[in-house]
Amino acid sequence: MEIVVLVLVVIGLIVIGGWALGLVFSLIWWVLIGTLIGALGRMIIPEHRRPGLMATVLSGIAGSLLGGVIANALDVGSILQFGIAVLAAAGLILTFASGRGARTA
């Protein structure tokens, strides 16, 4: 009986560990893609209106998530989804730039 409980505990820990590892890789992927989308969105914004790096990355992550939601709602392809995400990130970067965190040139 103790062996069965031990085996179930080990299986449960493996499942939880796999889930946690998958979550970590998903978060890393979101940060990488968000950074790319934020950088592309930042290229659209004029130089004097650009916020710092952290605001750009956070805008990119939020823009990619928002673009994905909008694209899924509109049922468009992945290329349009990417474009919508870049435009959403650019809009969020402009929002951050109009706040106190914007750099002045």
PDB file of N, CA and C in Angstrom:
ATOM      1  N   MET A   1       0.819  -1.198   0.000  1.00  0.00           N
ATOM      2  CA  MET A   1       0.000   0.000   0.000  1.00  0.00           C
ATOM      3  C   MET A   1       0.858   1.256   0.000  1.00  0.00           C
ATOM      4  N   GLU A   2       1.932   1.237   0.754  1.00  0.00           N
ATOM      5  CA  GLU A   2       2.811   2.405   0.809  1.00  0.00           C
ATOM      6  C   GLU A   2       3.486   2.647  -0.535  1.00  0.00           C
ATOM      7  N   ILE A   3       3.777   1.571  -1.249  1.00  0.00           N
ATOM      8  CA  ILE A   3       4.408   1.687  -2.569  1.00  0.00           C
ATOM      9  C   ILE A   3       3.458   2.388  -3.537  1.00  0.00           C
ATOM     10  N   VAL A   4       2.178   2.051  -3.480  1.00  0.00           N
ATOM     11  CA  VAL A   4       1.198   2.659  -4.375  1.00  0.00           C
ATOM     12  C   VAL A   4       1.093   4.158  -4.103  1.00  0.00           C
ATOM     13  N   VAL A   5       1.057   4.527  -2.841  1.00  0.00           N
ATOM     14  CA  VAL A   5       0.986   5.938  -2.474  1.00  0.00           C
ATOM     15  C   VAL A   5       2.246   6.662  -2.948  1.00  0.00           C
ATOM     16  N   LEU A   6       3.397   6.056  -2.757  1.00  0.00           N
ATOM     17  CA  LEU A   6       4.655   6.657  -3.187  1.00  0.00           C
ATOM     18  C   LEU A   6       4.689   6.836  -4.707  1.00  0.00           C
ATOM     19  N   VAL A   7       4.232   5.828  -5.439  1.00  0.00           N
ATOM     20  CA  VAL A   7       4.189   5.922  -6.899  1.00  0.00           C
ATOM     21  C   VAL A   7       3.226   7.030  -7.341  1.00  0.00           C
ATOM     22  N   LEU A   8       2.073   7.137  -6.701  1.00  0.00           N
ATOM     23  CA  LEU A   8       1.119   8.190  -7.032  1.00  0.00           C
ATOM     24  C   LEU A   8       1.685   9.572  -6.722  1.00  0.00           C
ATOM     25  N   VAL A   9       2.400   9.706  -5.623  1.00  0.00           N
ATOM     26  CA  VAL A   9       3.019  10.988  -5.286  1.00  0.00           C
ATOM     27  C   VAL A   9       4.079  11.346  -6.315  1.00  0.00           C
ATOM     28  N   VAL A  10       4.900  10.400  -6.725  1.00  0.00           N
ATOM     29  CA  VAL A  10       5.935  10.652  -7.723  1.00  0.00           C
ATOM     30  C   VAL A  10       5.306  11.036  -9.054  1.00  0.00           C
ATOM     31  N   ILE A  11       4.266  10.345  -9.456  1.00  0.00           N
ATOM     32  CA  ILE A  11       3.571  10.673 -10.702  1.00  0.00           C
ATOM     33  C   ILE A  11       2.962  12.074 -10.610  1.00  0.00           C
ATOM     34  N   GLY A  12       2.369  12.397  -9.478  1.00  0.00           N
ATOM     35  CA  GLY A  12       1.799  13.730  -9.289  1.00  0.00           C
ATOM     36  C   GLY A  12       2.862  14.816  -9.364  1.00  0.00           C
ATOM     37  N   LEU A  13       4.021  14.579  -8.757  1.00  0.00           N
ATOM     38  CA  LEU A  13       5.110  15.561  -8.818  1.00  0.00           C
ATOM     39  C   LEU A  13       5.642  15.718 -10.232  1.00  0.00           C
ATOM     40  N   ILE A  14       5.710  14.632 -10.981  1.00  0.00           N
ATOM     41  CA  ILE A  14       6.157  14.712 -12.377  1.00  0.00           C
ATOM     42  C   ILE A  14       5.169  15.535 -13.205  1.00  0.00           C
ATOM     43  N   VAL A  15       3.885  15.305 -13.003  1.00  0.00           N
ATOM     44  CA  VAL A  15       2.870  16.056 -13.738  1.00  0.00           C
ATOM     45  C   VAL A  15       2.934  17.541 -13.382  1.00  0.00           C
ATOM     46  N   ILE A  16       3.036  17.857 -12.101  1.00  0.00           N
ATOM     47  CA  ILE A  16       3.117  19.253 -11.666  1.00  0.00           C
ATOM     48  C   ILE A  16       4.408  19.889 -12.175  1.00  0.00           C
ATOM     49  N   GLY A  17       5.510  19.163 -12.140  1.00  0.00           N
ATOM     50  CA  GLY A  17       6.780  19.678 -12.650  1.00  0.00           C
ATOM     51  C   GLY A  17       6.718  19.950 -14.146  1.00  0.00           C
ATOM     52  N   GLY A  18       6.102  19.043 -14.900  1.00  0.00           N
ATOM     53  CA  GLY A  18       5.941  19.257 -16.339  1.00  0.00           C
ATOM     54  C   GLY A  18       5.061  20.449 -16.637  1.00  0.00           C
ATOM     55  N   TRP A  19       4.014  20.628 -15.869  1.00  0.00           N
ATOM     56  CA  TRP A  19       3.140  21.786 -16.046  1.00  0.00           C
ATOM     57  C   TRP A  19       3.888  23.070 -15.742  1.00  0.00           C
ATOM     58  N   ALA A  20       4.650  23.093 -14.650  1.00  0.00           N
ATOM     59  CA  ALA A  20       5.404  24.295 -14.277  1.00  0.00           C
ATOM     60  C   ALA A  20       6.478  24.612 -15.319  1.00  0.00           C
ATOM     61  N   LEU A  21       7.137  23.597 -15.827  1.00  0.00           N
ATOM     62  CA  LEU A  21       8.155  23.807 -16.851  1.00  0.00           C
ATOM     63  C   LEU A  21       7.525  24.343 -18.133  1.00  0.00           C
ATOM     64  N   GLY A  22       6.380  23.820 -18.499  1.00  0.00           N
ATOM     65  CA  GLY A  22       5.663  24.324 -19.668  1.00  0.00           C
ATOM     66  C   GLY A  22       5.249  25.769 -19.484  1.00  0.00           C
ATOM     67  N   LEU A  23       4.840  26.131 -18.278  1.00  0.00           N
ATOM     68  CA  LEU A  23       4.456  27.509 -17.989  1.00  0.00           C
ATOM     69  C   LEU A  23       5.662  28.439 -18.105  1.00  0.00           C
ATOM     70  N   VAL A  24       6.806  28.006 -17.603  1.00  0.00           N
ATOM     71  CA  VAL A  24       8.020  28.824 -17.688  1.00  0.00           C
ATOM     72  C   VAL A  24       8.413  29.037 -19.144  1.00  0.00           C
ATOM     73  N   PHE A  25       8.385  27.980 -19.951  1.00  0.00           N
ATOM     74  CA  PHE A  25       8.726  28.129 -21.367  1.00  0.00           C
ATOM     75  C   PHE A  25       7.726  29.018 -22.095  1.00  0.00           C
ATOM     76  N   SER A  26       6.465  28.935 -21.732  1.00  0.00           N
ATOM     77  CA  SER A  26       5.456  29.813 -22.335  1.00  0.00           C
ATOM     78  C   SER A  26       5.726  31.270 -21.986  1.00  0.00           C
ATOM     79  N   LEU A  27       6.066  31.531 -20.740  1.00  0.00           N
ATOM     80  CA  LEU A  27       6.365  32.902 -20.331  1.00  0.00           C
ATOM     81  C   LEU A  27       7.602  33.440 -21.048  1.00  0.00           C
ATOM     82  N   ILE A  28       8.624  32.612 -21.182  1.00  0.00           N
ATOM     83  CA  ILE A  28       9.831  33.030 -21.911  1.00  0.00           C
ATOM     84  C   ILE A  28       9.476  33.321 -23.365  1.00  0.00           C
ATOM     85  N   TRP A  29       8.650  32.492 -23.975  1.00  0.00           N
ATOM     86  CA  TRP A  29       8.240  32.703 -25.361  1.00  0.00           C
ATOM     87  C   TRP A  29       7.475  34.008 -25.499  1.00  0.00           C
ATOM     88  N   TRP A  30       6.565  34.298 -24.563  1.00  0.00           N
ATOM     89  CA  TRP A  30       5.803  35.545 -24.606  1.00  0.00           C
ATOM     90  C   TRP A  30       6.731  36.744 -24.504  1.00  0.00           C
ATOM     91  N   VAL A  31       7.735  36.666 -23.636  1.00  0.00           N
ATOM     92  CA  VAL A  31       8.678  37.779 -23.494  1.00  0.00           C
ATOM     93  C   VAL A  31       9.476  37.970 -24.781  1.00  0.00           C
ATOM     94  N   LEU A  32       9.944  36.882 -25.382  1.00  0.00           N
ATOM     95  CA  LEU A  32      10.714  36.996 -26.625  1.00  0.00           C
ATOM     96  C   LEU A  32       9.873  37.572 -27.760  1.00  0.00           C
ATOM     97  N   ILE A  33       8.703  37.040 -27.959  1.00  0.00           N
ATOM     98  CA  ILE A  33       7.823  37.531 -29.014  1.00  0.00           C
ATOM     99  C   ILE A  33       7.361  38.954 -28.700  1.00  0.00           C
ATOM    100  N   GLY A  34       7.063  39.228 -27.444  1.00  0.00           N
ATOM    101  CA  GLY A  34       6.666  40.583 -27.053  1.00  0.00           C
ATOM    102  C   GLY A  34       7.767  41.592 -27.283  1.00  0.00           C
ATOM    103  N   THR A  35       9.016  41.190 -27.043  1.00  0.00           N
ATOM    104  CA  THR A  35      10.140  42.083 -27.306  1.00  0.00           C
ATOM    105  C   THR A  35      10.256  42.366 -28.795  1.00  0.00           C
ATOM    106  N   LEU A  36      10.104  41.339 -29.609  1.00  0.00           N
ATOM    107  CA  LEU A  36      10.165  41.523 -31.062  1.00  0.00           C
ATOM    108  C   LEU A  36       9.034  42.417 -31.549  1.00  0.00           C
ATOM    109  N   ILE A  37       7.828  42.156 -31.099  1.00  0.00           N
ATOM    110  CA  ILE A  37       6.687  42.948 -31.525  1.00  0.00           C
ATOM    111  C   ILE A  37       6.796  44.372 -30.983  1.00  0.00           C
ATOM    112  N   GLY A  38       7.274  44.520 -29.754  1.00  0.00           N
ATOM    113  CA  GLY A  38       7.484  45.855 -29.199  1.00  0.00           C
ATOM    114  C   GLY A  38       8.520  46.635 -29.984  1.00  0.00           C
ATOM    115  N   ALA A  39       9.606  45.961 -30.399  1.00  0.00           N
ATOM    116  CA  ALA A  39      10.637  46.633 -31.187  1.00  0.00           C
ATOM    117  C   ALA A  39      10.079  47.078 -32.537  1.00  0.00           C
ATOM    118  N   LEU A  40       9.277  46.232 -33.166  1.00  0.00           N
ATOM    119  CA  LEU A  40       8.664  46.611 -34.436  1.00  0.00           C
ATOM    120  C   LEU A  40       7.664  47.745 -34.250  1.00  0.00           C
ATOM    121  N   GLY A  41       6.885  47.678 -33.181  1.00  0.00           N
ATOM    122  CA  GLY A  41       5.941  48.755 -32.894  1.00  0.00           C
ATOM    123  C   GLY A  41       6.652  50.056 -32.575  1.00  0.00           C
ATOM    124  N   ARG A  42       7.794  49.942 -31.918  1.00  0.00           N
ATOM    125  CA  ARG A  42       8.572  51.136 -31.565  1.00  0.00           C
ATOM    126  C   ARG A  42       9.147  51.816 -32.801  1.00  0.00           C
ATOM    127  N   MET A  43       9.435  51.040 -33.850  1.00  0.00           N
ATOM    128  CA  MET A  43       9.966  51.609 -35.084  1.00  0.00           C
ATOM    129  C   MET A  43       8.938  52.508 -35.784  1.00  0.00           C
ATOM    130  N   ILE A  44       7.665  52.281 -35.520  1.00  0.00           N
ATOM    131  CA  ILE A  44       6.601  53.081 -36.115  1.00  0.00           C
ATOM    132  C   ILE A  44       6.517  54.453 -35.444  1.00  0.00           C
ATOM    133  N   ILE A  45       6.885  54.521 -34.178  1.00  0.00           N
ATOM    134  CA  ILE A  45       6.735  55.731 -33.372  1.00  0.00           C
ATOM    135  C   ILE A  45       7.887  56.702 -33.654  1.00  0.00           C
ATOM    136  N   PRO A  46       7.612  58.006 -33.747  1.00  0.00           N
ATOM    137  CA  PRO A  46       8.699  58.978 -33.933  1.00  0.00           C
ATOM    138  C   PRO A  46       9.704  58.924 -32.777  1.00  0.00           C
ATOM    139  N   GLU A  47      10.937  59.250 -33.064  1.00  0.00           N
ATOM    140  CA  GLU A  47      12.045  59.139 -32.100  1.00  0.00           C
ATOM    141  C   GLU A  47      11.781  59.886 -30.793  1.00  0.00           C
ATOM    142  N   HIS A  48      11.252  61.079 -30.863  1.00  0.00           N
ATOM    143  CA  HIS A  48      11.080  61.890 -29.660  1.00  0.00           C
ATOM    144  C   HIS A  48       9.929  61.423 -28.766  1.00  0.00           C
ATOM    145  N   ARG A  49       9.127  60.484 -29.225  1.00  0.00           N
ATOM    146  CA  ARG A  49       7.973  60.013 -28.445  1.00  0.00           C
ATOM    147  C   ARG A  49       8.180  58.634 -27.848  1.00  0.00           C
ATOM    148  N   ARG A  50       9.348  58.051 -28.012  1.00  0.00           N
ATOM    149  CA  ARG A  50       9.568  56.666 -27.586  1.00  0.00           C
ATOM    150  C   ARG A  50       9.845  56.570 -26.088  1.00  0.00           C
ATOM    151  N   PRO A  51       9.191  55.612 -25.421  1.00  0.00           N
ATOM    152  CA  PRO A  51       9.478  55.370 -24.007  1.00  0.00           C
ATOM    153  C   PRO A  51      10.707  54.473 -23.864  1.00  0.00           C
ATOM    154  N   GLY A  52      11.026  54.085 -22.651  1.00  0.00           N
ATOM    155  CA  GLY A  52      12.190  53.262 -22.378  1.00  0.00           C
ATOM    156  C   GLY A  52      12.000  51.812 -22.813  1.00  0.00           C
ATOM    157  N   LEU A  53      13.037  51.021 -22.574  1.00  0.00           N
ATOM    158  CA  LEU A  53      13.063  49.627 -23.009  1.00  0.00           C
ATOM    159  C   LEU A  53      12.001  48.787 -22.307  1.00  0.00           C
ATOM    160  N   MET A  54      11.854  48.961 -21.003  1.00  0.00           N
ATOM    161  CA  MET A  54      10.886  48.151 -20.253  1.00  0.00           C
ATOM    162  C   MET A  54       9.461  48.427 -20.725  1.00  0.00           C
ATOM    163  N   ALA A  55       9.138  49.687 -20.963  1.00  0.00           N
ATOM    164  CA  ALA A  55       7.800  50.021 -21.467  1.00  0.00           C
ATOM    165  C   ALA A  55       7.588  49.438 -22.857  1.00  0.00           C
ATOM    166  N   THR A  56       8.657  49.412 -23.661  1.00  0.00           N
ATOM    167  CA  THR A  56       8.550  48.834 -25.001  1.00  0.00           C
ATOM    168  C   THR A  56       8.278  47.338 -24.925  1.00  0.00           C
ATOM    169  N   VAL A  57       9.021  46.636 -24.055  1.00  0.00           N
ATOM    170  CA  VAL A  57       8.831  45.183 -23.917  1.00  0.00           C
ATOM    171  C   VAL A  57       7.437  44.876 -23.379  1.00  0.00           C
ATOM    172  N   LEU A  58       7.022  45.603 -22.346  1.00  0.00           N
ATOM    173  CA  LEU A  58       5.686  45.363 -21.784  1.00  0.00           C
ATOM    174  C   LEU A  58       4.592  45.695 -22.787  1.00  0.00           C
ATOM    175  N   SER A  59       4.793  46.749 -23.568  1.00  0.00           N
ATOM    176  CA  SER A  59       3.827  47.089 -24.618  1.00  0.00           C
ATOM    177  C   SER A  59       3.789  46.009 -25.686  1.00  0.00           C
ATOM    178  N   GLY A  60       4.949  45.453 -26.014  1.00  0.00           N
ATOM    179  CA  GLY A  60       5.005  44.382 -27.002  1.00  0.00           C
ATOM    180  C   GLY A  60       4.285  43.131 -26.535  1.00  0.00           C
ATOM    181  N   ILE A  61       4.486  42.767 -25.266  1.00  0.00           N
ATOM    182  CA  ILE A  61       3.802  41.592 -24.722  1.00  0.00           C
ATOM    183  C   ILE A  61       2.299  41.818 -24.702  1.00  0.00           C
ATOM    184  N   ALA A  62       1.890  42.982 -24.189  1.00  0.00           N
ATOM    185  CA  ALA A  62       0.457  43.288 -24.152  1.00  0.00           C
ATOM    186  C   ALA A  62      -0.119  43.402 -25.555  1.00  0.00           C
ATOM    187  N   GLY A  63       0.657  44.009 -26.470  1.00  0.00           N
ATOM    188  CA  GLY A  63       0.192  44.142 -27.848  1.00  0.00           C
ATOM    189  C   GLY A  63       0.049  42.808 -28.540  1.00  0.00           C
ATOM    190  N   SER A  64       0.968  41.888 -28.267  1.00  0.00           N
ATOM    191  CA  SER A  64       0.866  40.569 -28.893  1.00  0.00           C
ATOM    192  C   SER A  64      -0.343  39.806 -28.363  1.00  0.00           C
ATOM    193  N   LEU A  65      -0.603  39.925 -27.066  1.00  0.00           N
ATOM    194  CA  LEU A  65      -1.786  39.269 -26.513  1.00  0.00           C
ATOM    195  C   LEU A  65      -3.070  39.917 -27.040  1.00  0.00           C
ATOM    196  N   LEU A  66      -3.095  41.243 -27.050  1.00  0.00           N
ATOM    197  CA  LEU A  66      -4.262  41.964 -27.554  1.00  0.00           C
ATOM    198  C   LEU A  66      -4.477  41.699 -29.041  1.00  0.00           C
ATOM    199  N   GLY A  67      -3.387  41.701 -29.805  1.00  0.00           N
ATOM    200  CA  GLY A  67      -3.489  41.398 -31.233  1.00  0.00           C
ATOM    201  C   GLY A  67      -3.991  39.996 -31.488  1.00  0.00           C
ATOM    202  N   GLY A  68      -3.560  39.040 -30.654  1.00  0.00           N
ATOM    203  CA  GLY A  68      -4.044  37.674 -30.792  1.00  0.00           C
ATOM    204  C   GLY A  68      -5.527  37.558 -30.507  1.00  0.00           C
ATOM    205  N   VAL A  69      -5.980  38.258 -29.486  1.00  0.00           N
ATOM    206  CA  VAL A  69      -7.408  38.224 -29.143  1.00  0.00           C
ATOM    207  C   VAL A  69      -8.241  38.860 -30.256  1.00  0.00           C
ATOM    208  N   ILE A  70      -7.789  40.026 -30.734  1.00  0.00           N
ATOM    209  CA  ILE A  70      -8.522  40.707 -31.806  1.00  0.00           C
ATOM    210  C   ILE A  70      -8.531  39.860 -33.075  1.00  0.00           C
ATOM    211  N   ALA A  71      -7.367  39.292 -33.429  1.00  0.00           N
ATOM    212  CA  ALA A  71      -7.282  38.487 -34.648  1.00  0.00           C
ATOM    213  C   ALA A  71      -8.144  37.232 -34.546  1.00  0.00           C
ATOM    214  N   ASN A  72      -8.189  36.613 -33.374  1.00  0.00           N
ATOM    215  CA  ASN A  72      -9.054  35.444 -33.207  1.00  0.00           C
ATOM    216  C   ASN A  72     -10.525  35.828 -33.292  1.00  0.00           C
ATOM    217  N   ALA A  73     -10.861  36.993 -32.774  1.00  0.00           N
ATOM    218  CA  ALA A  73     -12.250  37.452 -32.857  1.00  0.00           C
ATOM    219  C   ALA A  73     -12.643  37.745 -34.300  1.00  0.00           C
ATOM    220  N   LEU A  74     -11.687  38.275 -35.085  1.00  0.00           N
ATOM    221  CA  LEU A  74     -11.964  38.576 -36.490  1.00  0.00           C
ATOM    222  C   LEU A  74     -11.739  37.370 -37.399  1.00  0.00           C
ATOM    223  N   ASP A  75     -11.158  36.311 -36.855  1.00  0.00           N
ATOM    224  CA  ASP A  75     -10.879  35.071 -37.577  1.00  0.00           C
ATOM    225  C   ASP A  75     -10.017  35.339 -38.818  1.00  0.00           C
ATOM    226  N   VAL A  76      -8.858  35.978 -38.594  1.00  0.00           N
ATOM    227  CA  VAL A  76      -7.917  36.278 -39.674  1.00  0.00           C
ATOM    228  C   VAL A  76      -6.710  35.353 -39.570  1.00  0.00           C
ATOM    229  N   GLY A  77      -5.866  35.370 -40.578  1.00  0.00           N
ATOM    230  CA  GLY A  77      -4.696  34.515 -40.618  1.00  0.00           C
ATOM    231  C   GLY A  77      -3.577  35.011 -39.721  1.00  0.00           C
ATOM    232  N   SER A  78      -2.499  34.244 -39.677  1.00  0.00           N
ATOM    233  CA  SER A  78      -1.407  34.547 -38.763  1.00  0.00           C
ATOM    234  C   SER A  78      -0.622  35.786 -39.178  1.00  0.00           C
ATOM    235  N   ILE A  79      -0.534  36.066 -40.472  1.00  0.00           N
ATOM    236  CA  ILE A  79       0.195  37.263 -40.908  1.00  0.00           C
ATOM    237  C   ILE A  79      -0.569  38.520 -40.479  1.00  0.00           C
ATOM    238  N   LEU A  80      -1.874  38.531 -40.668  1.00  0.00           N
ATOM    239  CA  LEU A  80      -2.671  39.665 -40.194  1.00  0.00           C
ATOM    240  C   LEU A  80      -2.663  39.751 -38.681  1.00  0.00           C
ATOM    241  N   GLN A  81      -2.633  38.611 -38.016  1.00  0.00           N
ATOM    242  CA  GLN A  81      -2.555  38.607 -36.562  1.00  0.00           C
ATOM    243  C   GLN A  81      -1.267  39.289 -36.101  1.00  0.00           C
ATOM    244  N   PHE A  82      -0.157  38.996 -36.766  1.00  0.00           N
ATOM    245  CA  PHE A  82       1.118  39.611 -36.443  1.00  0.00           C
ATOM    246  C   PHE A  82       1.054  41.124 -36.671  1.00  0.00           C
ATOM    247  N   GLY A  83       0.464  41.538 -37.787  1.00  0.00           N
ATOM    248  CA  GLY A  83       0.327  42.963 -38.073  1.00  0.00           C
ATOM    249  C   GLY A  83      -0.547  43.675 -37.061  1.00  0.00           C
ATOM    250  N   ILE A  84      -1.633  43.044 -36.662  1.00  0.00           N
ATOM    251  CA  ILE A  84      -2.517  43.627 -35.651  1.00  0.00           C
ATOM    252  C   ILE A  84      -1.776  43.742 -34.324  1.00  0.00           C
ATOM    253  N   ALA A  85      -0.965  42.739 -33.988  1.00  0.00           N
ATOM    254  CA  ALA A  85      -0.197  42.781 -32.745  1.00  0.00           C
ATOM    255  C   ALA A  85       0.818  43.924 -32.762  1.00  0.00           C
ATOM    256  N   VAL A  86       1.474  44.140 -33.901  1.00  0.00           N
ATOM    257  CA  VAL A  86       2.451  45.232 -34.008  1.00  0.00           C
ATOM    258  C   VAL A  86       1.743  46.574 -33.871  1.00  0.00           C
ATOM    259  N   LEU A  87       0.595  46.737 -34.515  1.00  0.00           N
ATOM    260  CA  LEU A  87      -0.152  47.995 -34.407  1.00  0.00           C
ATOM    261  C   LEU A  87      -0.672  48.211 -32.989  1.00  0.00           C
ATOM    262  N   ALA A  88      -1.117  47.139 -32.347  1.00  0.00           N
ATOM    263  CA  ALA A  88      -1.566  47.265 -30.951  1.00  0.00           C
ATOM    264  C   ALA A  88      -0.407  47.656 -30.053  1.00  0.00           C
ATOM    265  N   ALA A  89       0.769  47.069 -30.282  1.00  0.00           N
ATOM    266  CA  ALA A  89       1.952  47.431 -29.492  1.00  0.00           C
ATOM    267  C   ALA A  89       2.341  48.882 -29.736  1.00  0.00           C
ATOM    268  N   ALA A  90       2.260  49.337 -30.988  1.00  0.00           N
ATOM    269  CA  ALA A  90       2.578  50.730 -31.296  1.00  0.00           C
ATOM    270  C   ALA A  90       1.611  51.674 -30.575  1.00  0.00           C
ATOM    271  N   GLY A  91       0.356  51.306 -30.549  1.00  0.00           N
ATOM    272  CA  GLY A  91      -0.618  52.117 -29.821  1.00  0.00           C
ATOM    273  C   GLY A  91      -0.341  52.154 -28.332  1.00  0.00           C
ATOM    274  N   LEU A  92       0.045  51.021 -27.774  1.00  0.00           N
ATOM    275  CA  LEU A  92       0.375  50.985 -26.348  1.00  0.00           C
ATOM    276  C   LEU A  92       1.663  51.753 -26.059  1.00  0.00           C
ATOM    277  N   ILE A  93       2.619  51.688 -26.985  1.00  0.00           N
ATOM    278  CA  ILE A  93       3.857  52.448 -26.805  1.00  0.00           C
ATOM    279  C   ILE A  93       3.547  53.938 -26.825  1.00  0.00           C
ATOM    280  N   LEU A  94       2.663  54.354 -27.716  1.00  0.00           N
ATOM    281  CA  LEU A  94       2.254  55.766 -27.732  1.00  0.00           C
ATOM    282  C   LEU A  94       1.580  56.158 -26.425  1.00  0.00           C
ATOM    283  N   THR A  95       0.805  55.236 -25.870  1.00  0.00           N
ATOM    284  CA  THR A  95       0.158  55.494 -24.587  1.00  0.00           C
ATOM    285  C   THR A  95       1.211  55.675 -23.499  1.00  0.00           C
ATOM    286  N   PHE A  96       2.221  54.800 -23.468  1.00  0.00           N
ATOM    287  CA  PHE A  96       3.303  54.951 -22.497  1.00  0.00           C
ATOM    288  C   PHE A  96       4.091  56.225 -22.760  1.00  0.00           C
ATOM    289  N   ALA A  97       4.289  56.574 -24.025  1.00  0.00           N
ATOM    290  CA  ALA A  97       5.085  57.756 -24.377  1.00  0.00           C
ATOM    291  C   ALA A  97       4.397  59.034 -23.950  1.00  0.00           C
ATOM    292  N   SER A  98       3.079  59.034 -23.935  1.00  0.00           N
ATOM    293  CA  SER A  98       2.369  60.246 -23.530  1.00  0.00           C
ATOM    294  C   SER A  98       2.367  60.412 -22.014  1.00  0.00           C
ATOM    295  N   GLY A  99       2.777  59.349 -21.312  1.00  0.00           N
ATOM    296  CA  GLY A  99       2.851  59.415 -19.845  1.00  0.00           C
ATOM    297  C   GLY A  99       4.168  60.018 -19.386  1.00  0.00           C
ATOM    298  N   ARG A 100       4.490  59.816 -18.144  1.00  0.00           N
ATOM    299  CA  ARG A 100       5.682  60.401 -17.550  1.00  0.00           C
ATOM    300  C   ARG A 100       6.962  59.689 -17.953  1.00  0.00           C
ATOM    301  N   GLY A 101       6.874  58.443 -18.469  1.00  0.00           N
ATOM    302  CA  GLY A 101       8.061  57.666 -18.766  1.00  0.00           C
ATOM    303  C   GLY A 101       8.710  57.977 -20.098  1.00  0.00           C
ATOM    304  N   ALA A 102       8.183  58.902 -20.856  1.00  0.00           N
ATOM    305  CA  ALA A 102       8.724  59.180 -22.188  1.00  0.00           C
ATOM    306  C   ALA A 102      10.043  59.934 -22.075  1.00  0.00           C
ATOM    307  N   ARG A 103      10.969  59.598 -22.965  1.00  0.00           N
ATOM    308  CA  ARG A 103      12.245  60.315 -23.031  1.00  0.00           C
ATOM    309  C   ARG A 103      12.065  61.583 -23.839  1.00  0.00           C
ATOM    310  N   THR A 104      12.778  62.584 -23.478  1.00  0.00           N
ATOM    311  CA  THR A 104      12.737  63.808 -24.263  1.00  0.00           C
ATOM    312  C   THR A 104      14.058  63.956 -24.993  1.00  0.00           C
ATOM    313  N   ALA A 105      13.992  64.303 -26.271  1.00  0.00           N
ATOM    314  CA  ALA A 105      15.197  64.407 -27.079  1.00  0.00           C
ATOM    315  C   ALA A 105      15.685  65.827 -27.151  1.00  0.00           C
TER     316      ALA A 105
END
